[in-house]
């Protein structure tokens, strides 16, 4: 009885469809990272651009490098179709999403930076009546 249950379990396991990782899938980022990466790009660029322009430029370049690397893999005439076959259209579409995340992060960061009141100089302090201290 125990062997029949084991055989049924093994047969059920073999019949269930699973992801097949072939030659290309082990050389590209996992699907979960590709789906989360646009949000990481958005948050990093928004925070960096709201801080300073130089920090924003540096952060934009740093988050754009992995995106460009993945897009260059997808543009390769030999590797790109294999990635599409193995990972599917969702993976390919998600690979382009960080571009939008970077752009939205830059826009939001610059807009947030413009809304903040400029810091006043220490010598220009006033009391609650508007009299200089």
C-alpha atoms as a PDB file:
ATOM      1  CA  UNK A   1       0.000   0.000   0.000  1.00  0.00           C
ATOM      2  CA  UNK A   2       2.836   2.338   0.860  1.00  0.00           C
ATOM      3  CA  UNK A   3       4.608   1.683  -2.445  1.00  0.00           C
ATOM      4  CA  UNK A   4       1.446   2.394  -4.458  1.00  0.00           C
ATOM      5  CA  UNK A   5       1.072   5.742  -2.723  1.00  0.00           C
ATOM      6  CA  UNK A   6       4.716   6.526  -3.406  1.00  0.00           C
ATOM      7  CA  UNK A   7       4.340   5.582  -7.061  1.00  0.00           C
ATOM      8  CA  UNK A   8       1.229   7.746  -7.393  1.00  0.00           C
ATOM      9  CA  UNK A   9       3.039  10.649  -5.775  1.00  0.00           C
ATOM     10  CA  UNK A  10       6.003  10.276  -8.137  1.00  0.00           C
ATOM     11  CA  UNK A  11       3.687   9.981 -11.165  1.00  0.00           C
ATOM     12  CA  UNK A  12       1.741  13.077 -10.099  1.00  0.00           C
ATOM     13  CA  UNK A  13       4.980  14.975  -9.622  1.00  0.00           C
ATOM     14  CA  UNK A  14       6.158  14.029 -13.105  1.00  0.00           C
ATOM     15  CA  UNK A  15       2.869  15.043 -14.708  1.00  0.00           C
ATOM     16  CA  UNK A  16       2.751  18.497 -13.125  1.00  0.00           C
ATOM     17  CA  UNK A  17       4.144  21.169 -15.406  1.00  0.00           C
ATOM     18  CA  UNK A  18       7.158  22.980 -14.078  1.00  0.00           C
ATOM     19  CA  UNK A  19       9.483  25.698 -15.325  1.00  0.00           C
ATOM     20  CA  UNK A  20      12.293  24.340 -17.420  1.00  0.00           C
ATOM     21  CA  UNK A  21      15.506  26.267 -16.909  1.00  0.00           C
ATOM     22  CA  UNK A  22      17.661  25.794 -19.963  1.00  0.00           C
ATOM     23  CA  UNK A  23      20.894  27.344 -21.140  1.00  0.00           C
ATOM     24  CA  UNK A  24      19.770  30.975 -21.174  1.00  0.00           C
ATOM     25  CA  UNK A  25      17.681  31.161 -18.016  1.00  0.00           C
ATOM     26  CA  UNK A  26      20.617  30.607 -15.709  1.00  0.00           C
ATOM     27  CA  UNK A  27      22.488  33.592 -17.157  1.00  0.00           C
ATOM     28  CA  UNK A  28      19.751  36.215 -16.784  1.00  0.00           C
ATOM     29  CA  UNK A  29      18.157  37.764 -13.673  1.00  0.00           C
ATOM     30  CA  UNK A  30      15.244  35.828 -12.152  1.00  0.00           C
ATOM     31  CA  UNK A  31      11.701  36.798 -13.020  1.00  0.00           C
ATOM     32  CA  UNK A  32      10.937  38.049  -9.495  1.00  0.00           C
ATOM     33  CA  UNK A  33      13.828  40.510  -9.628  1.00  0.00           C
ATOM     34  CA  UNK A  34      12.803  41.747 -13.070  1.00  0.00           C
ATOM     35  CA  UNK A  35       9.264  42.362 -11.797  1.00  0.00           C
ATOM     36  CA  UNK A  36      10.458  44.249  -8.679  1.00  0.00           C
ATOM     37  CA  UNK A  37      13.298  46.214 -10.339  1.00  0.00           C
ATOM     38  CA  UNK A  38      11.064  49.024 -11.771  1.00  0.00           C
ATOM     39  CA  UNK A  39       9.833  49.871  -8.263  1.00  0.00           C
ATOM     40  CA  UNK A  40      13.388  49.899  -6.933  1.00  0.00           C
ATOM     41  CA  UNK A  41      14.403  52.230  -9.788  1.00  0.00           C
ATOM     42  CA  UNK A  42      11.460  54.532  -9.065  1.00  0.00           C
ATOM     43  CA  UNK A  43      12.194  54.795  -5.335  1.00  0.00           C
ATOM     44  CA  UNK A  44      15.964  55.232  -5.708  1.00  0.00           C
ATOM     45  CA  UNK A  45      15.751  57.890  -8.414  1.00  0.00           C
ATOM     46  CA  UNK A  46      12.942  59.798  -6.681  1.00  0.00           C
ATOM     47  CA  UNK A  47      14.850  59.963  -3.413  1.00  0.00           C
ATOM     48  CA  UNK A  48      18.124  60.841  -5.101  1.00  0.00           C
ATOM     49  CA  UNK A  49      16.692  63.585  -7.324  1.00  0.00           C
ATOM     50  CA  UNK A  50      14.821  65.110  -4.400  1.00  0.00           C
ATOM     51  CA  UNK A  51      18.117  65.382  -2.548  1.00  0.00           C
ATOM     52  CA  UNK A  52      20.579  66.913  -5.061  1.00  0.00           C
ATOM     53  CA  UNK A  53      21.110  66.968  -8.809  1.00  0.00           C
ATOM     54  CA  UNK A  54      24.513  65.303  -8.648  1.00  0.00           C
ATOM     55  CA  UNK A  55      23.186  62.517  -6.452  1.00  0.00           C
ATOM     56  CA  UNK A  56      20.245  62.139  -8.829  1.00  0.00           C
ATOM     57  CA  UNK A  57      22.513  61.802 -11.859  1.00  0.00           C
ATOM     58  CA  UNK A  58      24.700  59.266 -10.088  1.00  0.00           C
ATOM     59  CA  UNK A  59      21.728  57.216  -8.903  1.00  0.00           C
ATOM     60  CA  UNK A  60      20.137  57.326 -12.356  1.00  0.00           C
ATOM     61  CA  UNK A  61      23.298  55.963 -13.952  1.00  0.00           C
ATOM     62  CA  UNK A  62      23.653  53.257 -11.308  1.00  0.00           C
ATOM     63  CA  UNK A  63      20.086  51.953 -11.667  1.00  0.00           C
ATOM     64  CA  UNK A  64      20.195  52.257 -15.456  1.00  0.00           C
ATOM     65  CA  UNK A  65      23.253  50.011 -15.844  1.00  0.00           C
ATOM     66  CA  UNK A  66      21.520  46.681 -15.004  1.00  0.00           C
ATOM     67  CA  UNK A  67      18.536  47.736 -17.103  1.00  0.00           C
ATOM     68  CA  UNK A  68      20.708  48.447 -20.132  1.00  0.00           C
ATOM     69  CA  UNK A  69      22.565  45.154 -19.621  1.00  0.00           C
ATOM     70  CA  UNK A  70      19.322  43.161 -19.638  1.00  0.00           C
ATOM     71  CA  UNK A  71      17.941  45.048 -22.622  1.00  0.00           C
ATOM     72  CA  UNK A  72      21.147  44.393 -24.552  1.00  0.00           C
ATOM     73  CA  UNK A  73      20.717  40.683 -23.835  1.00  0.00           C
ATOM     74  CA  UNK A  74      17.161  40.852 -25.155  1.00  0.00           C
ATOM     75  CA  UNK A  75      18.341  42.682 -28.286  1.00  0.00           C
ATOM     76  CA  UNK A  76      20.889  39.988 -29.104  1.00  0.00           C
ATOM     77  CA  UNK A  77      19.637  38.076 -32.175  1.00  0.00           C
ATOM     78  CA  UNK A  78      20.588  34.688 -30.721  1.00  0.00           C
ATOM     79  CA  UNK A  79      19.836  35.122 -27.017  1.00  0.00           C
ATOM     80  CA  UNK A  80      16.721  37.324 -27.247  1.00  0.00           C
ATOM     81  CA  UNK A  81      14.428  34.764 -28.906  1.00  0.00           C
ATOM     82  CA  UNK A  82      15.623  32.076 -26.497  1.00  0.00           C
ATOM     83  CA  UNK A  83      14.761  34.302 -23.526  1.00  0.00           C
ATOM     84  CA  UNK A  84      11.338  34.964 -25.037  1.00  0.00           C
ATOM     85  CA  UNK A  85      10.748  31.220 -25.510  1.00  0.00           C
ATOM     86  CA  UNK A  86      11.921  30.249 -22.023  1.00  0.00           C
ATOM     87  CA  UNK A  87      10.672  33.130 -19.860  1.00  0.00           C
ATOM     88  CA  UNK A  88       7.706  34.410 -21.843  1.00  0.00           C
ATOM     89  CA  UNK A  89       6.373  37.778 -22.923  1.00  0.00           C
ATOM     90  CA  UNK A  90       5.815  38.955 -19.322  1.00  0.00           C
ATOM     91  CA  UNK A  91       9.552  38.765 -18.655  1.00  0.00           C
ATOM     92  CA  UNK A  92      10.369  40.723 -21.809  1.00  0.00           C
ATOM     93  CA  UNK A  93       7.720  43.366 -21.077  1.00  0.00           C
ATOM     94  CA  UNK A  94       8.903  43.666 -17.466  1.00  0.00           C
ATOM     95  CA  UNK A  95      12.454  44.211 -18.698  1.00  0.00           C
ATOM     96  CA  UNK A  96      11.342  47.479 -20.330  1.00  0.00           C
ATOM     97  CA  UNK A  97       9.432  48.723 -17.265  1.00  0.00           C
ATOM     98  CA  UNK A  98      12.480  50.145 -15.399  1.00  0.00           C
ATOM     99  CA  UNK A  99      12.773  52.825 -18.069  1.00  0.00           C
ATOM    100  CA  UNK A 100       9.375  54.151 -17.004  1.00  0.00           C
ATOM    101  CA  UNK A 101      10.301  53.769 -13.341  1.00  0.00           C
ATOM    102  CA  UNK A 102      13.451  55.825 -13.833  1.00  0.00           C
ATOM    103  CA  UNK A 103      11.617  58.563 -15.747  1.00  0.00           C
ATOM    104  CA  UNK A 104       8.769  58.755 -13.201  1.00  0.00           C
ATOM    105  CA  UNK A 105      11.288  58.793 -10.344  1.00  0.00           C
ATOM    106  CA  UNK A 106      13.180  61.702 -11.918  1.00  0.00           C
ATOM    107  CA  UNK A 107       9.976  63.669 -12.501  1.00  0.00           C
ATOM    108  CA  UNK A 108       8.684  63.049  -8.976  1.00  0.00           C
ATOM    109  CA  UNK A 109      12.051  63.830  -7.374  1.00  0.00           C
ATOM    110  CA  UNK A 110      12.481  67.114  -9.237  1.00  0.00           C
ATOM    111  CA  UNK A 111       8.887  68.097  -8.488  1.00  0.00           C
ATOM    112  CA  UNK A 112       9.339  67.270  -4.804  1.00  0.00           C
ATOM    113  CA  UNK A 113      12.559  69.256  -4.688  1.00  0.00           C
ATOM    114  CA  UNK A 114      10.823  72.299  -6.184  1.00  0.00           C
ATOM    115  CA  UNK A 115       8.003  72.235  -3.600  1.00  0.00           C
ATOM    116  CA  UNK A 116      10.296  72.446  -0.590  1.00  0.00           C
ATOM    117  CA  UNK A 117      10.866  75.890   0.857  1.00  0.00           C
ATOM    118  CA  UNK A 118      14.456  77.043   0.478  1.00  0.00           C
ATOM    119  CA  UNK A 119      16.526  77.038   3.639  1.00  0.00           C
ATOM    120  CA  UNK A 120      17.076  80.468   5.093  1.00  0.00           C
ATOM    121  CA  UNK A 121      20.473  81.640   6.121  1.00  0.00           C
ATOM    122  CA  UNK A 122      21.316  81.546   9.835  1.00  0.00           C
ATOM    123  CA  UNK A 123      21.759  85.335   9.933  1.00  0.00           C
ATOM    124  CA  UNK A 124      18.268  85.983   8.520  1.00  0.00           C
ATOM    125  CA  UNK A 125      16.325  84.478  11.419  1.00  0.00           C
ATOM    126  CA  UNK A 126      13.224  86.295  12.643  1.00  0.00           C
ATOM    127  CA  UNK A 127      11.064  85.928  15.695  1.00  0.00           C
ATOM    128  CA  UNK A 128       7.298  85.353  15.592  1.00  0.00           C
ATOM    129  CA  UNK A 129       6.629  89.113  15.002  1.00  0.00           C
ATOM    130  CA  UNK A 130       8.910  89.303  11.959  1.00  0.00           C
ATOM    131  CA  UNK A 131      11.653  91.209  13.773  1.00  0.00           C
ATOM    132  CA  UNK A 132      15.209  90.179  12.906  1.00  0.00           C
ATOM    133  CA  UNK A 133      17.102  88.604  15.769  1.00  0.00           C
END
